[in-house]
Amino acid sequence: MAEAFDWAFSGPMGLAALVLGYLLGSIPFGIILTRLSGGPDLRTIGSGNIGATNVLRTGNKKLAALTLIGDMLKGTAAVLLAGWLLGGKSAALAAGLGAFLGHLFPVWLRFKGGKGVATFLGILIGLKASIALIFAAVWISIAYLTRYSSLSALIASLLTPLLLWFWIRDPQAAGLMAILTLLLWFMHRENIARLLAGREGKIGQKD
């Protein structure tokens, strides 16, 4: 079990990777893109979240798609850049953690960021693209059947570390994604409460 987290204690290079990942992950694409388009401050509309789902509430589907891509690719970029520049897999894993923390708790926004689904997927793409495809397939399937975006993300994220551990046999990647899954579930705690109470909004449902 200890080997799943030995990348977290990889010394100065690991710390540098964590910081690099955090800086990339903290880029608030939703806010930047909506402001550049002349739209409102994303934090003042809908849920106040900075992710693509809230951007969609502005009515601009193209902007929402660009936000989704940006939030996803910053996770991928953190993993790949750190692995290339700072010393391989341990640095890549540390950068993945940093990118996720940066998205959830960006210093530029007083540590109030997004819920992390797109960045979670982006990090997974950088680590193991085949599992990222399964994540996407599970998300789409659950969303199609239930129309709940949050439930889709919760189930897909829960399966991710299990697949990495038992199928891919990569305990280090599984350890990282287990941490990210716990964080993602924590950020969705209000959604979970609404799901249990039968009050969660469905995809396409107007506020």
Protein backbone atom coordinates (compact mmCIF):
# COMPACT_ATOMS: atom_id res chain seq x y z
CA MET A 1 0.00 0.00 0.00
CA ALA A 2 2.85 2.43 0.81
CA GLU A 3 4.08 2.33 -2.79
CA ALA A 4 0.84 3.96 -3.90
CA PHE A 5 1.95 7.21 -2.28
CA ASP A 6 5.75 7.17 -2.46
CA TRP A 7 5.62 9.75 -5.28
CA ALA A 8 4.32 12.25 -2.70
CA PHE A 9 7.70 12.26 -0.95
CA SER A 10 9.94 12.76 -3.96
CA GLY A 11 11.96 15.73 -2.65
CA PRO A 12 12.59 19.14 -4.25
CA MET A 13 11.58 18.00 -7.74
CA GLY A 14 8.30 16.74 -6.35
CA LEU A 15 7.67 20.08 -4.66
CA ALA A 16 8.53 21.94 -7.87
CA ALA A 17 6.11 19.70 -9.77
CA LEU A 18 3.39 20.32 -7.20
CA VAL A 19 3.82 24.10 -7.57
CA LEU A 20 3.91 23.89 -11.37
CA GLY A 21 0.74 21.85 -11.34
CA TYR A 22 -0.97 24.23 -8.93
CA LEU A 23 -0.19 27.27 -11.08
CA LEU A 24 -1.52 25.60 -14.21
CA GLY A 25 -4.57 24.21 -12.42
CA SER A 26 -5.45 27.56 -10.89
CA ILE A 27 -6.04 29.23 -14.27
CA PRO A 28 -9.79 30.08 -14.15
CA PHE A 29 -10.71 29.57 -17.79
CA GLY A 30 -14.42 30.05 -17.15
CA ILE A 31 -13.95 33.50 -15.65
CA ILE A 32 -11.33 34.56 -18.21
CA LEU A 33 -13.35 33.46 -21.23
CA THR A 34 -16.65 34.96 -20.05
CA ARG A 35 -14.97 38.28 -19.31
CA LEU A 36 -13.21 38.33 -22.68
CA SER A 37 -16.55 37.72 -24.36
CA GLY A 38 -18.12 40.62 -22.50
CA GLY A 39 -20.21 38.40 -20.26
CA PRO A 40 -20.89 38.76 -16.53
CA ASP A 41 -18.62 37.71 -13.71
CA LEU A 42 -19.25 33.98 -13.57
CA ARG A 43 -19.26 34.05 -9.77
CA THR A 44 -22.36 36.25 -9.73
CA ILE A 45 -24.66 33.96 -11.74
CA GLY A 46 -26.18 30.52 -11.28
CA SER A 47 -24.28 28.43 -8.78
CA GLY A 48 -21.35 30.86 -8.70
CA ASN A 49 -19.09 28.03 -9.82
CA ILE A 50 -16.25 28.74 -12.26
CA GLY A 51 -16.69 25.59 -14.36
CA ALA A 52 -18.27 24.82 -17.72
CA THR A 53 -21.69 23.92 -16.28
CA ASN A 54 -22.12 27.41 -14.89
CA VAL A 55 -20.74 29.00 -18.07
CA LEU A 56 -23.54 27.18 -19.88
CA ARG A 57 -26.01 29.16 -17.78
CA THR A 58 -24.89 32.28 -19.65
CA GLY A 59 -26.45 30.72 -22.74
CA ASN A 60 -23.14 30.51 -24.59
CA LYS A 61 -22.59 26.86 -25.48
CA LYS A 62 -19.37 27.56 -27.37
CA LEU A 63 -17.88 29.32 -24.35
CA ALA A 64 -18.95 26.45 -22.09
CA ALA A 65 -17.24 23.96 -24.41
CA LEU A 66 -14.06 26.04 -24.47
CA THR A 67 -14.10 26.23 -20.66
CA LEU A 68 -14.51 22.47 -20.43
CA ILE A 69 -11.57 21.94 -22.78
CA GLY A 70 -9.39 24.47 -20.97
CA ASP A 71 -10.11 23.04 -17.52
CA MET A 72 -9.42 19.55 -18.83
CA LEU A 73 -6.23 20.30 -20.74
CA LYS A 74 -4.61 22.24 -17.90
CA GLY A 75 -4.63 18.98 -15.94
CA THR A 76 -3.16 17.09 -18.88
CA ALA A 77 -0.52 19.78 -19.44
CA ALA A 78 0.53 19.73 -15.78
CA VAL A 79 1.10 15.97 -15.82
CA LEU A 80 2.95 15.88 -19.14
CA LEU A 81 5.08 18.98 -18.55
CA ALA A 82 6.16 17.92 -15.08
CA GLY A 83 6.99 14.43 -16.27
CA TRP A 84 9.09 15.85 -19.09
CA LEU A 85 10.79 18.73 -17.26
CA LEU A 86 11.11 17.52 -13.68
CA GLY A 87 11.90 13.85 -13.67
CA GLY A 88 9.37 11.31 -14.80
CA LYS A 89 6.38 9.65 -13.20
CA SER A 90 6.76 10.86 -9.61
CA ALA A 91 6.86 14.47 -10.79
CA ALA A 92 3.90 13.87 -13.10
CA LEU A 93 1.82 12.50 -10.22
CA ALA A 94 2.76 15.37 -7.91
CA ALA A 95 1.85 17.85 -10.64
CA GLY A 96 -1.49 16.14 -11.11
CA LEU A 97 -2.27 16.64 -7.43
CA GLY A 98 -1.13 20.26 -7.68
CA ALA A 99 -3.31 20.92 -10.73
CA PHE A 100 -6.39 19.53 -9.00
CA LEU A 101 -5.76 21.57 -5.86
CA GLY A 102 -5.17 24.64 -8.02
CA HIS A 103 -8.51 24.22 -9.74
CA LEU A 104 -10.41 23.60 -6.51
CA PHE A 105 -8.64 26.26 -4.44
CA PRO A 106 -7.11 28.96 -6.72
CA VAL A 107 -5.26 31.61 -4.75
CA TRP A 108 -6.35 34.27 -7.28
CA LEU A 109 -10.02 33.67 -6.40
CA ARG A 110 -9.64 33.50 -2.62
CA PHE A 111 -9.43 29.70 -2.84
CA LYS A 112 -12.97 29.37 -4.26
CA GLY A 113 -12.69 27.32 -7.44
CA GLY A 114 -14.54 24.63 -9.34
CA LYS A 115 -15.63 21.11 -8.50
CA GLY A 116 -12.91 19.45 -10.51
CA VAL A 117 -14.57 16.99 -12.91
CA ALA A 118 -12.96 18.30 -16.12
CA THR A 119 -9.55 18.68 -14.48
CA PHE A 120 -9.87 15.17 -12.99
CA LEU A 121 -10.42 13.83 -16.51
CA GLY A 122 -7.54 15.89 -17.90
CA ILE A 123 -5.13 14.53 -15.30
CA LEU A 124 -6.31 11.03 -16.11
CA ILE A 125 -5.68 11.61 -19.82
CA GLY A 126 -2.10 12.56 -19.02
CA LEU A 127 -1.58 9.49 -16.84
CA LYS A 128 -3.55 6.73 -18.58
CA ALA A 129 -5.65 7.67 -21.60
CA SER A 130 -7.37 4.27 -21.79
CA ILE A 131 -8.88 4.75 -18.32
CA ALA A 132 -9.86 8.30 -19.25
CA LEU A 133 -11.89 6.86 -22.12
CA ILE A 134 -13.65 4.51 -19.70
CA PHE A 135 -14.31 7.44 -17.34
CA ALA A 136 -15.89 9.38 -20.21
CA ALA A 137 -17.95 6.37 -21.33
CA VAL A 138 -19.26 5.78 -17.80
CA TRP A 139 -20.07 9.47 -17.37
CA ILE A 140 -21.97 9.60 -20.66
CA SER A 141 -23.86 6.37 -19.92
CA ILE A 142 -24.97 7.42 -16.42
CA ALA A 143 -25.86 10.91 -17.63
CA TYR A 144 -27.94 9.45 -20.47
CA LEU A 145 -29.79 7.12 -18.13
CA THR A 146 -30.35 9.46 -15.19
CA ARG A 147 -29.82 13.01 -16.53
CA TYR A 148 -27.76 13.75 -13.41
CA SER A 149 -24.37 15.27 -14.21
CA SER A 150 -23.19 15.08 -10.61
CA LEU A 151 -24.13 11.41 -10.19
CA SER A 152 -22.31 10.59 -13.43
CA ALA A 153 -19.13 12.24 -12.15
CA LEU A 154 -19.37 10.59 -8.74
CA ILE A 155 -19.72 7.08 -10.15
CA ALA A 156 -17.09 7.52 -12.87
CA SER A 157 -14.57 8.95 -10.39
CA LEU A 158 -15.20 6.12 -7.91
CA LEU A 159 -14.42 3.52 -10.57
CA THR A 160 -11.20 5.23 -11.67
CA PRO A 161 -8.77 4.26 -8.86
CA LEU A 162 -10.23 0.75 -8.79
CA LEU A 163 -9.51 0.27 -12.49
CA LEU A 164 -6.01 1.66 -12.11
CA TRP A 165 -5.27 -0.63 -9.17
CA PHE A 166 -6.88 -3.92 -10.18
CA TRP A 167 -6.80 -3.76 -13.98
CA ILE A 168 -3.86 -1.55 -15.00
CA ARG A 169 -1.85 -2.59 -11.92
CA ASP A 170 -0.52 0.93 -11.37
CA PRO A 171 -0.69 1.53 -7.59
CA GLN A 172 0.91 4.98 -7.79
CA ALA A 173 -1.60 6.35 -10.29
CA ALA A 174 -4.38 4.60 -8.34
CA GLY A 175 -3.19 6.29 -5.14
CA LEU A 176 -3.27 9.72 -6.72
CA MET A 177 -6.68 9.24 -8.30
CA ALA A 178 -8.05 7.91 -5.00
CA ILE A 179 -7.01 11.19 -3.35
CA LEU A 180 -8.58 13.18 -6.19
CA THR A 181 -11.77 11.12 -5.95
CA LEU A 182 -12.09 11.91 -2.25
CA LEU A 183 -11.60 15.60 -2.99
CA LEU A 184 -14.09 15.50 -5.86
CA TRP A 185 -16.71 13.85 -3.64
CA PHE A 186 -16.06 16.46 -0.95
CA MET A 187 -16.61 19.27 -3.47
CA HIS A 188 -19.87 17.58 -4.50
CA ARG A 189 -21.18 17.18 -0.94
CA GLU A 190 -24.09 19.55 -1.58
CA ASN A 191 -24.96 17.70 -4.79
CA ILE A 192 -24.89 14.42 -2.86
CA ALA A 193 -27.29 15.84 -0.28
CA ARG A 194 -29.64 17.01 -3.05
CA LEU A 195 -29.43 13.63 -4.79
CA LEU A 196 -30.39 11.85 -1.59
CA ALA A 197 -33.26 14.28 -1.07
CA GLY A 198 -34.43 14.01 -4.69
CA ARG A 199 -33.81 17.70 -5.34
CA GLU A 200 -30.78 17.60 -7.63
CA GLY A 201 -31.23 19.39 -10.93
CA LYS A 202 -31.06 17.34 -14.09
CA ILE A 203 -29.13 18.04 -17.29
CA GLY A 204 -31.12 20.44 -19.44
CA GLN A 205 -33.41 21.40 -16.58
CA LYS A 206 -33.81 25.14 -16.19
CA ASP A 207 -33.21 26.76 -12.78
